[in-house]
Amino acid sequence: MLPIAKLEAVQRRFQELEHLMCSPAVLSSPAELQRLNRERTEIEPVVVAFARLRDVERRIAEDREALSDPDLSELAQAELPELETERERLASELELLLLPKDPNDARNTVIEIRSGEGGEEAALFAADLFRMLCRYAETKRWKVEVLNLSEASAGGYKEVAALISGQDVYSHLRYEGGVHRVQRVPTTETQGRIHTSTATVAVLPEADEVDVHIDDKDLEISIAASGGPGGQGVNTTNSAVQIKHLPTGMIVKCQDERSQLKNKAKAMKVLRSRLLEIEQRRQEEAQSAERRTMVGTGERAQKVRTYNFPQNRVTDHRIGLTLHKLDKIIEGDLDELIGALRTHRQAELLRRGGLSGPAGGAVEPLT
């Protein structure tokens, strides 16, 4: 049974938001306008689906009345089954839309990938994962901006951080966080033995400046010449930036750009996202558990997904899903995998009585 009173309250809030966003007080405050527009965008699908449901129910009522009219009964009988099916579909859609939303779902996302156990092969796998997520971002028309990149001596990445921008990025990529395990024969293996390596993926919602205030006195900024591969211009310029956040001891480095200012701006994006996550962990212990599950220590046992190249197999251990299409997945074809993870999470929320919680509240993480 749909909570009609709750749906009507969402409808009233939508109308209120449209009125507020036209007021001079809000229009003169970009931060407040951004906040209200984000809330409006989040509830608009509910309002649209509810309006369509009301319209379908009105038409059903009219058709049932028409059944007693000899001139209209045949037409009404033909139309009613289709309308009743549409009503059931809209009711199911509204059930999902009313599930408590993670306020981070619509945000852009900072991903950090680091090689774990496995030496050179782990660094190569970290590069494969980054390429896979970049290819997936291309299919979604998202923008990928590299924030920091540290290459391994034999190829691959020791670590890479990037900002991915677009529509509902975090709601899709949140499931990529965790320890990823690869099983394959390295190119340097002469006897054809399968090696197991890992890489960790952290998925952080991007923090806006209005979300996290950072005091300049809490920062220790140091500049140095960029190191590693990248060309003569990068290596000889004092452009690498390291920022230490004194209250937390957190250190962020960026050397991807020639410009010192650009590197500082990118490092600040990563720092804000990490600090936002810390604040959200304080507010929600569930998010703290999610982060620990997401990154762990990089040991092989702490895995969320396994990529087995000899069998062309990918297994997501959280939902017990196995797909024999690794060749496509590693090229960015993640829709089936991520779709299954999202469906599982929605089913879990419905099973736990998600509709009884407040709209817009925090949700339990997928484990």
Protein backbone atom coordinates (compact mmCIF):
# COMPACT_ATOMS: atom_id res chain seq x y z
CA MET A 1 0.00 0.00 0.00
CA LEU A 2 1.50 3.31 -1.06
CA PRO A 3 1.79 6.02 1.62
CA ILE A 4 -0.49 8.58 -0.07
CA ALA A 5 -0.05 11.16 2.71
CA LYS A 6 3.71 10.98 2.27
CA LEU A 7 3.42 11.35 -1.49
CA GLU A 8 1.17 14.39 -1.09
CA ALA A 9 3.71 15.89 1.34
CA VAL A 10 6.48 15.41 -1.26
CA GLN A 11 4.26 17.06 -3.86
CA ARG A 12 3.69 20.08 -1.59
CA ARG A 13 7.42 20.32 -0.86
CA PHE A 14 8.16 20.35 -4.59
CA GLN A 15 5.79 23.27 -5.12
CA GLU A 16 7.34 25.06 -2.14
CA LEU A 17 10.84 24.58 -3.55
CA GLU A 18 9.83 26.02 -6.92
CA HIS A 19 8.46 29.09 -5.12
CA LEU A 20 11.55 29.48 -2.91
CA MET A 21 13.97 29.20 -5.84
CA CYS A 22 12.32 32.24 -7.44
CA SER A 23 12.60 34.39 -4.32
CA PRO A 24 15.17 37.24 -4.24
CA ALA A 25 16.72 35.96 -1.00
CA VAL A 26 17.57 32.58 -2.52
CA LEU A 27 18.60 33.95 -5.91
CA SER A 28 21.17 36.16 -4.14
CA SER A 29 22.72 33.14 -2.37
CA PRO A 30 24.36 30.69 -4.81
CA ALA A 31 24.99 28.13 -2.07
CA GLU A 32 21.35 28.12 -0.93
CA LEU A 33 20.11 28.02 -4.54
CA GLN A 34 22.36 25.03 -5.21
CA ARG A 35 21.09 23.24 -2.11
CA LEU A 36 17.42 23.80 -2.94
CA ASN A 37 17.91 22.86 -6.59
CA ARG A 38 19.58 19.61 -5.53
CA GLU A 39 16.61 18.78 -3.29
CA ARG A 40 14.17 19.66 -6.07
CA THR A 41 16.00 17.41 -8.54
CA GLU A 42 15.93 14.52 -6.07
CA ILE A 43 12.17 14.61 -5.48
CA GLU A 44 11.03 15.56 -9.00
CA PRO A 45 10.84 11.91 -10.23
CA VAL A 46 8.52 11.11 -7.29
CA VAL A 47 6.25 14.06 -8.12
CA VAL A 48 6.11 13.15 -11.82
CA ALA A 49 5.36 9.47 -11.15
CA PHE A 50 2.70 10.36 -8.55
CA ALA A 51 0.98 12.74 -10.99
CA ARG A 52 0.95 10.01 -13.64
CA LEU A 53 -0.46 7.53 -11.11
CA ARG A 54 -3.24 9.95 -10.17
CA ASP A 55 -4.07 10.42 -13.86
CA VAL A 56 -4.19 6.65 -14.47
CA GLU A 57 -6.42 6.13 -11.43
CA ARG A 58 -8.76 8.86 -12.68
CA ARG A 59 -9.02 7.15 -16.07
CA ILE A 60 -9.66 3.76 -14.40
CA ALA A 61 -12.50 5.27 -12.36
CA GLU A 62 -14.00 6.81 -15.50
CA ASP A 63 -13.77 3.49 -17.41
CA ARG A 64 -15.44 1.59 -14.56
CA GLU A 65 -18.32 4.06 -14.61
CA ALA A 66 -18.53 3.65 -18.38
CA LEU A 67 -19.01 -0.12 -18.03
CA SER A 68 -22.69 0.55 -17.32
CA ASP A 69 -23.06 2.58 -20.50
CA PRO A 70 -23.94 0.34 -23.48
CA ASP A 71 -22.26 2.74 -25.90
CA LEU A 72 -18.98 2.91 -23.97
CA SER A 73 -18.69 -0.42 -22.15
CA GLU A 74 -16.83 -2.25 -24.93
CA LEU A 75 -14.20 0.51 -25.17
CA ALA A 76 -13.86 0.67 -21.38
CA GLN A 77 -13.43 -3.12 -21.11
CA ALA A 78 -10.65 -3.01 -23.72
CA GLU A 79 -8.82 -0.14 -22.02
CA LEU A 80 -9.06 -1.22 -18.34
CA PRO A 81 -6.47 -4.07 -18.37
CA GLU A 82 -3.81 -1.81 -19.87
CA LEU A 83 -4.55 0.96 -17.37
CA GLU A 84 -4.47 -1.43 -14.41
CA THR A 85 -1.10 -2.80 -15.56
CA GLU A 86 0.20 0.76 -15.84
CA ARG A 87 -1.08 1.52 -12.34
CA GLU A 88 0.80 -1.48 -10.91
CA ARG A 89 3.97 -0.43 -12.72
CA LEU A 90 3.76 3.14 -11.42
CA ALA A 91 3.08 1.90 -7.88
CA SER A 92 6.20 -0.30 -8.03
CA GLU A 93 8.22 2.60 -9.42
CA LEU A 94 7.05 4.85 -6.58
CA GLU A 95 7.98 2.22 -4.00
CA LEU A 96 11.55 2.33 -5.26
CA LEU A 97 11.58 6.12 -5.56
CA LEU A 98 10.41 6.45 -1.96
CA LEU A 99 13.26 4.37 -0.60
CA PRO A 100 15.54 6.47 1.61
CA LYS A 101 18.03 8.28 -0.59
CA ASP A 102 21.72 8.58 0.02
CA PRO A 103 22.30 12.34 -0.37
CA ASN A 104 25.60 11.53 -2.07
CA ASP A 105 24.02 9.61 -4.98
CA ALA A 106 23.80 12.63 -7.30
CA ARG A 107 27.31 13.85 -6.55
CA ASN A 108 30.39 13.67 -8.71
CA THR A 109 32.91 11.13 -7.45
CA VAL A 110 36.59 10.92 -6.58
CA ILE A 111 38.02 7.44 -7.15
CA GLU A 112 41.36 6.37 -5.73
CA ILE A 113 42.93 3.14 -6.97
CA ARG A 114 46.06 1.67 -5.38
CA SER A 115 48.00 -1.49 -6.14
CA GLY A 116 47.82 -4.05 -3.34
CA GLU A 117 49.46 -7.43 -2.98
CA GLY A 118 51.23 -8.88 -5.98
CA GLY A 119 54.07 -6.49 -6.78
CA GLU A 120 54.40 -5.47 -10.45
CA GLU A 121 51.31 -7.44 -11.46
CA ALA A 122 49.23 -5.54 -8.86
CA ALA A 123 50.31 -2.23 -10.40
CA LEU A 124 49.34 -3.47 -13.87
CA PHE A 125 45.96 -4.58 -12.51
CA ALA A 126 45.41 -1.17 -10.87
CA ALA A 127 45.94 0.40 -14.30
CA ASP A 128 43.47 -2.08 -15.84
CA LEU A 129 40.83 -1.16 -13.25
CA PHE A 130 41.31 2.54 -13.89
CA ARG A 131 41.01 2.01 -17.64
CA MET A 132 37.88 -0.10 -17.10
CA LEU A 133 36.20 2.66 -15.07
CA CYS A 134 37.25 5.30 -17.62
CA ARG A 135 35.69 3.25 -20.42
CA TYR A 136 32.51 2.87 -18.37
CA ALA A 137 32.47 6.63 -17.77
CA GLU A 138 32.70 7.18 -21.54
CA THR A 139 29.57 5.08 -22.10
CA LYS A 140 27.73 7.29 -19.56
CA ARG A 141 29.11 10.51 -21.09
CA TRP A 142 30.84 11.36 -17.82
CA LYS A 143 33.99 13.46 -17.66
CA VAL A 144 37.17 11.98 -16.14
CA GLU A 145 39.82 14.33 -14.74
CA VAL A 146 43.03 12.78 -13.42
CA LEU A 147 43.96 14.36 -10.09
CA ASN A 148 47.10 12.41 -9.27
CA LEU A 149 49.03 9.60 -10.92
CA SER A 150 52.01 7.62 -9.66
CA GLU A 151 53.38 5.14 -12.18
CA ALA A 152 55.22 1.95 -11.25
CA SER A 153 58.70 1.37 -12.65
CA ALA A 154 57.67 -1.73 -14.62
CA GLY A 155 54.40 -0.23 -15.87
CA GLY A 156 50.99 0.16 -14.36
CA TYR A 157 50.06 2.45 -11.47
CA LYS A 158 51.11 2.45 -7.87
CA GLU A 159 48.16 4.75 -7.32
CA VAL A 160 45.84 6.98 -9.31
CA ALA A 161 43.13 9.43 -8.26
CA ALA A 162 40.54 10.93 -10.58
CA LEU A 163 37.40 13.05 -10.43
CA ILE A 164 34.48 11.65 -12.43
CA SER A 165 31.75 14.19 -13.18
CA GLY A 166 28.29 13.67 -14.63
CA GLN A 167 24.75 12.62 -13.81
CA ASP A 168 24.31 10.32 -10.79
CA VAL A 169 27.95 9.21 -10.84
CA TYR A 170 28.19 8.15 -7.20
CA SER A 171 24.94 6.15 -7.35
CA HIS A 172 26.59 3.92 -9.97
CA LEU A 173 30.24 3.84 -8.88
CA ARG A 174 29.65 3.38 -5.15
CA TYR A 175 29.62 -0.39 -5.74
CA GLU A 176 33.18 -0.36 -7.12
CA GLY A 177 34.68 0.40 -3.72
CA GLY A 178 36.64 -2.44 -2.14
CA VAL A 179 39.43 -4.90 -2.80
CA HIS A 180 39.47 -6.28 -6.34
CA ARG A 181 41.34 -9.53 -6.99
CA VAL A 182 42.80 -10.69 -10.28
CA GLN A 183 43.86 -14.22 -11.26
CA ARG A 184 45.89 -14.45 -14.46
CA VAL A 185 49.21 -15.47 -15.97
CA PRO A 186 51.57 -12.47 -15.93
CA THR A 187 53.51 -11.68 -19.09
CA THR A 188 56.75 -12.31 -17.16
CA GLU A 189 55.65 -15.83 -16.09
CA THR A 190 57.61 -18.37 -18.16
CA GLN A 191 55.93 -21.52 -16.80
CA GLY A 192 52.32 -20.44 -17.33
CA ARG A 193 51.41 -20.31 -13.63
CA ILE A 194 48.41 -18.24 -12.55
CA HIS A 195 49.23 -15.43 -10.11
CA THR A 196 46.82 -13.70 -7.75
CA SER A 197 47.11 -9.95 -7.14
CA THR A 198 44.92 -7.23 -5.67
CA ALA A 199 44.16 -3.54 -6.00
CA THR A 200 42.03 -1.37 -3.71
CA VAL A 201 39.40 1.06 -4.96
CA ALA A 202 38.03 3.87 -2.79
CA VAL A 203 34.94 5.73 -4.02
CA LEU A 204 34.38 9.14 -2.41
CA PRO A 205 31.57 11.60 -3.14
CA GLU A 206 33.02 14.94 -4.24
CA ALA A 207 32.73 17.63 -1.58
CA ASP A 208 31.62 21.13 -2.49
CA GLU A 209 33.26 24.08 -0.79
CA VAL A 210 29.96 24.69 1.01
CA ASP A 211 30.11 21.14 2.43
CA VAL A 212 33.58 21.31 3.94
CA HIS A 213 35.26 24.43 5.33
CA ILE A 214 39.04 24.20 5.44
CA ASP A 215 40.95 26.86 7.35
CA ASP A 216 44.19 27.94 5.67
CA LYS A 217 46.01 27.79 9.01
CA ASP A 218 45.25 24.06 9.16
CA LEU A 219 47.20 23.41 5.95
CA GLU A 220 50.89 22.79 5.46
CA ILE A 221 51.70 23.14 1.75
CA SER A 222 55.03 22.13 0.23
CA ILE A 223 56.24 22.45 -3.38
CA ALA A 224 58.77 20.28 -5.21
CA ALA A 225 59.84 19.28 -8.69
CA SER A 226 57.55 16.67 -10.19
CA GLY A 227 59.03 13.20 -10.42
CA GLY A 228 58.42 10.08 -12.48
CA PRO A 229 57.51 9.72 -16.14
CA GLY A 230 55.81 12.62 -17.84
CA GLY A 231 58.20 14.50 -20.01
CA GLN A 232 60.93 17.06 -19.50
CA GLY A 233 58.53 19.96 -18.89
CA VAL A 234 56.87 18.19 -15.99
CA ASN A 235 60.00 16.90 -14.37
CA THR A 236 61.95 20.15 -14.30
CA THR A 237 59.20 22.45 -13.01
CA ASN A 238 58.53 23.06 -9.31
CA SER A 239 54.88 22.17 -9.76
CA ALA A 240 54.28 19.12 -7.54
CA VAL A 241 52.10 20.03 -4.56
CA GLN A 242 51.80 18.22 -1.24
CA ILE A 243 49.13 19.35 1.22
CA LYS A 244 49.08 18.17 4.82
CA HIS A 245 45.90 18.71 6.81
CA LEU A 246 47.29 19.33 10.28
CA PRO A 247 44.20 18.45 12.39
CA THR A 248 43.92 14.98 10.81
CA GLY A 249 47.49 14.40 9.60
CA MET A 250 46.08 13.56 6.16
CA ILE A 251 48.49 14.09 3.22
CA VAL A 252 47.44 14.62 -0.39
CA LYS A 253 49.88 14.89 -3.31
CA CYS A 254 49.34 16.03 -6.87
CA GLN A 255 51.87 16.42 -9.68
CA ASP A 256 49.83 15.69 -12.79
CA GLU A 257 49.81 19.26 -14.12
CA ARG A 258 52.68 21.59 -15.00
CA SER A 259 50.89 24.40 -13.19
CA GLN A 260 51.43 24.61 -9.45
CA LEU A 261 48.04 26.30 -9.03
CA LYS A 262 46.23 23.56 -10.95
CA ASN A 263 47.93 20.86 -8.89
CA LYS A 264 46.96 22.66 -5.69
CA ALA A 265 43.34 22.92 -6.84
CA LYS A 266 43.23 19.21 -7.67
CA ALA A 267 44.82 18.27 -4.36
CA MET A 268 42.24 20.38 -2.53
CA LYS A 269 39.42 18.49 -4.31
CA VAL A 270 40.76 15.19 -3.02
CA LEU A 271 41.29 16.63 0.47
CA ARG A 272 37.75 18.02 0.65
CA SER A 273 36.29 14.70 -0.47
CA ARG A 274 38.27 12.80 2.15
CA LEU A 275 37.28 15.26 4.88
CA LEU A 276 33.63 15.08 3.83
CA GLU A 277 33.80 11.33 4.16
CA ILE A 278 35.30 11.63 7.65
CA GLU A 279 32.48 13.95 8.70
CA GLN A 280 29.86 11.61 7.28
CA ARG A 281 31.47 8.70 9.10
CA ARG A 282 31.03 10.60 12.36
CA GLN A 283 27.37 11.13 11.58
CA GLU A 284 26.67 7.61 10.36
CA GLU A 285 28.48 4.64 11.85
CA ALA A 286 27.13 2.62 8.94
CA GLN A 287 29.27 4.66 6.56
CA SER A 288 32.31 4.00 8.70
CA ALA A 289 31.68 0.27 8.38
CA GLU A 290 31.23 0.71 4.63
CA ARG A 291 34.60 2.46 4.30
CA ARG A 292 36.39 -0.25 6.28
CA THR A 293 34.76 -2.91 4.13
CA MET A 294 35.50 -0.90 0.98
CA VAL A 295 39.24 -0.50 1.35
CA GLY A 296 40.44 -2.89 4.03
CA THR A 297 44.16 -3.57 3.91
CA GLY A 298 44.45 -4.88 0.36
CA GLU A 299 44.93 -8.48 1.47
CA ARG A 300 43.68 -11.16 -0.92
CA ALA A 301 41.05 -12.45 1.55
CA GLN A 302 39.30 -9.05 1.75
CA LYS A 303 37.82 -9.11 -1.72
CA VAL A 304 34.58 -7.80 -3.20
CA ARG A 305 35.20 -9.05 -6.73
CA THR A 306 37.43 -11.54 -8.54
CA TYR A 307 38.57 -11.27 -12.17
CA ASN A 308 39.68 -14.68 -13.46
CA PHE A 309 41.26 -14.25 -16.89
CA PRO A 310 41.84 -17.93 -17.81
CA GLN A 311 38.11 -18.64 -17.32
CA ASN A 312 36.94 -15.27 -18.68
CA ARG A 313 35.01 -14.98 -15.41
CA VAL A 314 34.07 -12.16 -13.05
CA THR A 315 32.53 -12.95 -9.66
CA ASP A 316 31.06 -10.34 -7.34
CA HIS A 317 31.24 -11.94 -3.91
CA ARG A 318 28.76 -9.57 -2.25
CA ILE A 319 25.79 -10.89 -4.21
CA GLY A 320 27.20 -14.19 -5.50
CA LEU A 321 26.97 -13.13 -9.15
CA THR A 322 29.25 -14.76 -11.73
CA LEU A 323 29.47 -13.55 -15.34
CA HIS A 324 31.55 -15.22 -18.02
CA LYS A 325 32.26 -12.02 -19.94
CA LEU A 326 35.45 -10.69 -18.37
CA ASP A 327 36.72 -9.64 -21.79
CA LYS A 328 33.79 -7.21 -22.12
CA ILE A 329 33.72 -6.09 -18.48
CA ILE A 330 37.39 -5.13 -18.43
CA GLU A 331 36.62 -2.93 -21.47
CA GLY A 332 34.03 -1.01 -19.44
CA ASP A 333 30.84 -3.03 -20.04
CA LEU A 334 29.71 -2.79 -16.41
CA ASP A 335 25.99 -2.18 -16.85
CA GLU A 336 24.86 -5.74 -16.08
CA LEU A 337 27.14 -6.01 -13.05
CA ILE A 338 26.30 -2.62 -11.56
CA GLY A 339 22.61 -3.07 -12.42
CA ALA A 340 22.53 -6.32 -10.43
CA LEU A 341 24.21 -4.64 -7.45
CA ARG A 342 21.75 -1.73 -7.52
CA THR A 343 18.77 -4.10 -7.78
CA HIS A 344 20.07 -6.16 -4.87
CA ARG A 345 20.45 -3.06 -2.72
CA GLN A 346 16.93 -1.87 -3.56
CA ALA A 347 15.50 -5.30 -2.75
CA GLU A 348 17.32 -5.31 0.58
CA LEU A 349 15.93 -1.90 1.46
CA LEU A 350 12.39 -2.99 0.58
CA ARG A 351 12.83 -6.19 2.60
CA ARG A 352 13.96 -4.17 5.61
CA GLY A 353 10.95 -1.89 5.38
CA GLY A 354 12.66 1.03 3.66
CA LEU A 355 9.34 2.77 3.01
CA SER A 356 8.83 3.41 6.72
CA GLY A 357 11.95 5.56 6.98
CA PRO A 358 12.12 9.30 6.27
CA ALA A 359 12.63 10.38 2.68
CA GLY A 360 16.16 11.52 2.10
CA GLY A 361 17.56 9.63 5.10
CA ALA A 362 20.78 7.67 5.15
CA VAL A 363 20.69 4.13 3.83
CA GLU A 364 22.56 1.06 4.89
CA PRO A 365 25.53 0.19 2.68
CA LEU A 366 25.71 -2.86 0.46
CA THR A 367 27.94 -5.43 2.14
